[in-house]
Amino acid sequence: MILRYLLLLLTLNTGQLHADEPPTYDRINLTVSAAEEVDNDTLSATLFVQHEGSDPAELGARVNRTMRQAVETAKQQPGIKVQTLDYQTSPVYRSNTLSGWRVRQSLRLEGRDAAAISELMGKLQPSLGIGGISYGISPQRREQIEERLIRQALQRFRTRAELISQEMGHNRYRLVQMNISQDGGAPRPYPMQAMALRAETAPTLEAGSQRLEVQINGTIELRPK
């Protein structure tokens, strides 16, 4: 008896909730986008120093000394962001037997002057090797471009929504929901294995470009005539 009463009460409440919901009309999903090919303006290079041997303390001292000198040299170059990265001490096994230790630390250089970074990389030789190089878009420039793309995409959304409303015989619509997403902008890596460069062989780099895109997905509801 109690169970029947609870089921009846639940049914009445559910019906009341549905009754309170505003009526909906024809709803249409729209997807528009705006994109632009953007020149990369920021170069990022990762260099490293690594030593192997039997005494981890001695190896650490050598790595620290080399990295300290590299940082001092890098900071003399204006306009380049210098950041030390992961410091690792790991065992080295050969034939399942501990044969020594490996100590490694990385240095990250980032800036908009590719020529200056390339020259600096040459100066840091022969102490450091190259772990990786990539190009990207600076955060300030990315934000400016994405704002412009968002405005373009919104205008295209409004134009398309108005066109659909008119073609469906309605003179107005309302926006139900909208999602805005950005795509693109992943760093462009230069495929290369970790290597050491001679001072006179600093790499020749070409920034290239990448595609930034803003996509808008939304739902409109055609209002009664």
Protein backbone atom coordinates (compact mmCIF):
# COMPACT_ATOMS: atom_id res chain seq x y z
CA MET A 1 0.00 0.00 0.00
CA ILE A 2 2.80 2.39 0.95
CA LEU A 3 4.71 1.47 -2.21
CA ARG A 4 1.68 2.27 -4.39
CA TYR A 5 1.30 5.62 -2.62
CA LEU A 6 4.95 6.50 -3.24
CA LEU A 7 4.71 5.54 -6.91
CA LEU A 8 1.58 7.65 -7.32
CA LEU A 9 3.24 10.62 -5.59
CA LEU A 10 6.32 10.29 -7.83
CA THR A 11 4.14 10.16 -10.95
CA LEU A 12 2.25 13.28 -9.94
CA ASN A 13 5.44 15.20 -9.15
CA THR A 14 7.04 14.18 -12.45
CA GLY A 15 3.98 15.26 -14.34
CA GLN A 16 4.03 18.60 -12.53
CA LEU A 17 7.71 19.13 -13.48
CA HIS A 18 6.95 18.47 -17.13
CA ALA A 19 3.96 20.77 -16.95
CA ASP A 20 6.17 23.58 -15.59
CA GLU A 21 8.73 23.29 -18.41
CA PRO A 22 8.35 25.99 -21.09
CA PRO A 23 7.21 24.75 -24.47
CA THR A 24 9.85 24.26 -27.12
CA TYR A 25 9.62 24.63 -30.87
CA ASP A 26 11.75 23.62 -33.83
CA ARG A 27 15.37 23.42 -32.72
CA ILE A 28 18.30 23.35 -35.15
CA ASN A 29 21.98 22.68 -34.48
CA LEU A 30 24.50 24.88 -36.28
CA THR A 31 28.27 24.59 -36.65
CA VAL A 32 30.44 27.34 -38.11
CA SER A 33 34.15 28.04 -38.01
CA ALA A 34 36.73 30.70 -38.81
CA ALA A 35 40.39 29.90 -39.46
CA GLU A 36 43.63 31.65 -40.29
CA GLU A 37 47.13 30.55 -41.27
CA VAL A 38 49.49 32.17 -38.77
CA ASP A 39 53.26 32.53 -38.93
CA ASN A 40 55.09 31.01 -35.99
CA ASP A 41 56.91 33.66 -33.99
CA THR A 42 58.43 31.84 -31.01
CA LEU A 43 61.31 29.37 -31.01
CA SER A 44 61.87 26.91 -28.19
CA ALA A 45 65.04 24.82 -27.89
CA THR A 46 65.89 22.23 -25.25
CA LEU A 47 69.52 21.42 -24.59
CA PHE A 48 70.99 19.00 -22.10
CA VAL A 49 74.15 17.94 -20.32
CA GLN A 50 74.64 14.29 -19.41
CA HIS A 51 77.44 12.29 -17.83
CA GLU A 52 77.82 8.63 -16.93
CA GLY A 53 80.16 6.98 -14.44
CA SER A 54 80.48 5.09 -11.20
CA ASP A 55 80.27 7.99 -8.71
CA PRO A 56 76.87 9.81 -8.78
CA ALA A 57 78.16 12.61 -6.55
CA GLU A 58 81.03 13.38 -8.91
CA LEU A 59 78.70 13.15 -11.91
CA GLY A 60 76.28 15.55 -10.25
CA ALA A 61 79.03 18.05 -9.59
CA ARG A 62 80.11 17.94 -13.25
CA VAL A 63 76.55 18.39 -14.48
CA ASN A 64 75.93 21.25 -12.05
CA ARG A 65 79.12 23.02 -13.08
CA THR A 66 78.37 22.71 -16.79
CA MET A 67 74.76 23.83 -16.38
CA ARG A 68 75.73 26.80 -14.22
CA GLN A 69 78.15 28.01 -16.88
CA ALA A 70 75.54 27.48 -19.60
CA VAL A 71 72.93 29.50 -17.71
CA GLU A 72 75.38 32.35 -17.14
CA THR A 73 76.19 32.41 -20.86
CA ALA A 74 72.52 32.26 -21.88
CA LYS A 75 71.49 35.10 -19.57
CA GLN A 76 73.94 37.42 -21.28
CA GLN A 77 71.75 37.27 -24.38
CA PRO A 78 68.80 39.70 -24.01
CA GLY A 79 65.34 38.70 -25.12
CA ILE A 80 65.79 34.97 -24.47
CA LYS A 81 63.92 33.22 -21.67
CA VAL A 82 66.18 30.76 -19.85
CA GLN A 83 64.79 27.91 -17.74
CA THR A 84 66.44 24.83 -16.25
CA LEU A 85 64.33 21.69 -16.47
CA ASP A 86 64.34 18.16 -15.10
CA TYR A 87 67.35 16.94 -13.12
CA GLN A 88 67.70 13.15 -13.23
CA THR A 89 69.97 10.63 -11.57
CA SER A 90 69.30 7.13 -12.83
CA PRO A 91 71.09 3.77 -12.65
CA VAL A 92 72.64 2.23 -15.74
CA TYR A 93 72.26 -1.54 -16.18
CA ARG A 94 74.14 -3.80 -18.52
CA SER A 95 73.27 -7.50 -18.67
CA ASN A 96 70.89 -6.96 -15.73
CA THR A 97 73.76 -5.74 -13.58
CA LEU A 98 74.25 -2.25 -12.20
CA SER A 99 77.22 -0.85 -14.08
CA GLY A 100 77.08 2.83 -13.18
CA TRP A 101 75.00 5.97 -12.98
CA ARG A 102 73.71 8.59 -15.36
CA VAL A 103 73.09 12.22 -14.36
CA ARG A 104 71.28 14.56 -16.74
CA GLN A 105 69.79 18.04 -16.67
CA SER A 106 68.09 20.07 -19.40
CA LEU A 107 68.02 23.75 -20.31
CA ARG A 108 65.19 25.45 -22.17
CA LEU A 109 65.70 28.52 -24.34
CA GLU A 110 62.71 30.42 -25.68
CA GLY A 111 62.33 33.65 -27.58
CA ARG A 112 61.15 35.38 -30.73
CA ASP A 113 64.62 36.01 -32.17
CA ALA A 114 65.45 32.71 -33.87
CA ALA A 115 68.82 33.96 -35.08
CA ALA A 116 69.90 34.90 -31.56
CA ILE A 117 68.82 31.54 -30.15
CA SER A 118 70.57 29.69 -32.95
CA GLU A 119 73.77 31.64 -32.29
CA LEU A 120 73.50 30.98 -28.55
CA MET A 121 73.06 27.26 -29.17
CA GLY A 122 76.33 27.31 -31.06
CA LYS A 123 78.09 29.10 -28.20
CA LEU A 124 76.91 26.51 -25.68
CA GLN A 125 78.75 23.84 -27.62
CA PRO A 126 80.55 21.55 -26.96
CA SER A 127 79.19 21.36 -23.39
CA LEU A 128 75.52 20.69 -24.23
CA GLY A 129 73.64 18.60 -26.75
CA ILE A 130 70.30 19.38 -28.41
CA GLY A 131 67.27 17.54 -27.11
CA GLY A 132 64.64 19.18 -29.30
CA ILE A 133 63.60 22.31 -31.20
CA SER A 134 60.08 23.53 -31.91
CA TYR A 135 58.27 26.61 -33.18
CA GLY A 136 55.04 28.02 -31.81
CA ILE A 137 52.89 31.12 -31.50
CA SER A 138 53.37 33.49 -28.59
CA PRO A 139 50.45 33.67 -26.11
CA GLN A 140 49.87 37.37 -26.77
CA ARG A 141 49.60 36.91 -30.51
CA ARG A 142 47.48 33.79 -30.15
CA GLU A 143 44.98 35.65 -27.97
CA GLN A 144 44.69 38.52 -30.45
CA ILE A 145 44.11 36.18 -33.39
CA GLU A 146 41.62 34.00 -31.52
CA GLU A 147 39.59 37.05 -30.52
CA ARG A 148 39.42 38.08 -34.17
CA LEU A 149 38.42 34.57 -35.22
CA ILE A 150 35.73 34.42 -32.55
CA ARG A 151 34.18 37.64 -33.86
CA GLN A 152 34.22 36.27 -37.40
CA ALA A 153 32.69 32.96 -36.33
CA LEU A 154 29.95 34.68 -34.31
CA GLN A 155 29.01 36.82 -37.29
CA ARG A 156 28.82 33.72 -39.49
CA PHE A 157 26.66 32.00 -36.88
CA ARG A 158 24.21 34.92 -36.76
CA THR A 159 24.08 35.13 -40.56
CA ARG A 160 23.37 31.43 -40.91
CA ALA A 161 20.80 31.41 -38.12
CA GLU A 162 18.93 34.30 -39.74
CA LEU A 163 19.06 32.59 -43.14
CA ILE A 164 17.64 29.35 -41.76
CA SER A 165 14.88 31.18 -39.89
CA GLN A 166 13.81 33.05 -43.00
CA GLU A 167 13.94 29.99 -45.24
CA MET A 168 11.84 28.04 -42.71
CA GLY A 169 9.21 30.77 -42.71
CA HIS A 170 10.01 32.26 -39.30
CA ASN A 171 10.86 35.87 -38.62
CA ARG A 172 12.87 35.31 -35.44
CA TYR A 173 14.76 32.76 -33.37
CA ARG A 174 16.33 32.46 -29.97
CA LEU A 175 19.68 31.01 -28.96
CA VAL A 176 19.35 27.90 -26.81
CA GLN A 177 23.01 27.03 -26.23
CA MET A 178 26.45 27.71 -27.70
CA ASN A 179 29.93 26.19 -27.40
CA ILE A 180 33.12 27.87 -28.60
CA SER A 181 36.31 25.87 -29.06
CA GLN A 182 39.80 26.67 -30.34
CA ASP A 183 41.93 24.32 -32.37
CA GLY A 184 45.49 24.34 -33.62
CA GLY A 185 48.58 26.02 -32.28
CA ALA A 186 50.52 22.91 -31.31
CA PRO A 187 54.27 23.50 -31.39
CA ARG A 188 55.91 22.53 -34.66
CA PRO A 189 58.81 20.23 -33.76
CA TYR A 190 61.97 19.80 -35.76
CA PRO A 191 62.66 16.05 -35.97
CA MET A 192 66.19 15.46 -34.77
CA GLN A 193 67.91 13.09 -32.46
CA ALA A 194 69.81 14.37 -29.47
CA MET A 195 73.10 15.62 -30.85
CA ALA A 196 76.05 17.82 -30.16
CA LEU A 197 76.80 20.70 -32.52
CA ARG A 198 80.05 22.38 -33.25
CA ALA A 199 80.04 26.10 -32.54
CA GLU A 200 80.26 26.91 -36.24
CA THR A 201 77.35 24.62 -37.16
CA ALA A 202 74.43 26.22 -35.33
CA PRO A 203 71.21 25.01 -37.01
CA THR A 204 69.49 26.94 -39.77
CA LEU A 205 65.80 27.21 -38.85
CA GLU A 206 62.65 28.15 -40.73
CA ALA A 207 59.65 29.16 -38.62
CA GLY A 208 56.86 28.16 -41.00
CA SER A 209 53.21 28.63 -40.07
CA GLN A 210 50.26 26.78 -38.57
CA ARG A 211 46.50 26.95 -38.75
CA LEU A 212 44.46 28.43 -35.92
CA GLU A 213 40.74 27.73 -35.95
CA VAL A 214 37.76 28.69 -33.83
CA GLN A 215 34.62 26.57 -34.06
CA ILE A 216 31.18 27.45 -32.77
CA ASN A 217 28.51 24.85 -32.23
CA GLY A 218 25.12 26.08 -31.12
CA THR A 219 21.42 25.38 -31.05
CA ILE A 220 18.75 27.82 -32.13
CA GLU A 221 15.04 27.56 -31.62
CA LEU A 222 12.69 28.91 -34.28
CA ARG A 223 10.01 31.01 -32.65
CA PRO A 224 6.33 30.84 -33.60
CA LYS A 225 5.22 32.95 -36.55
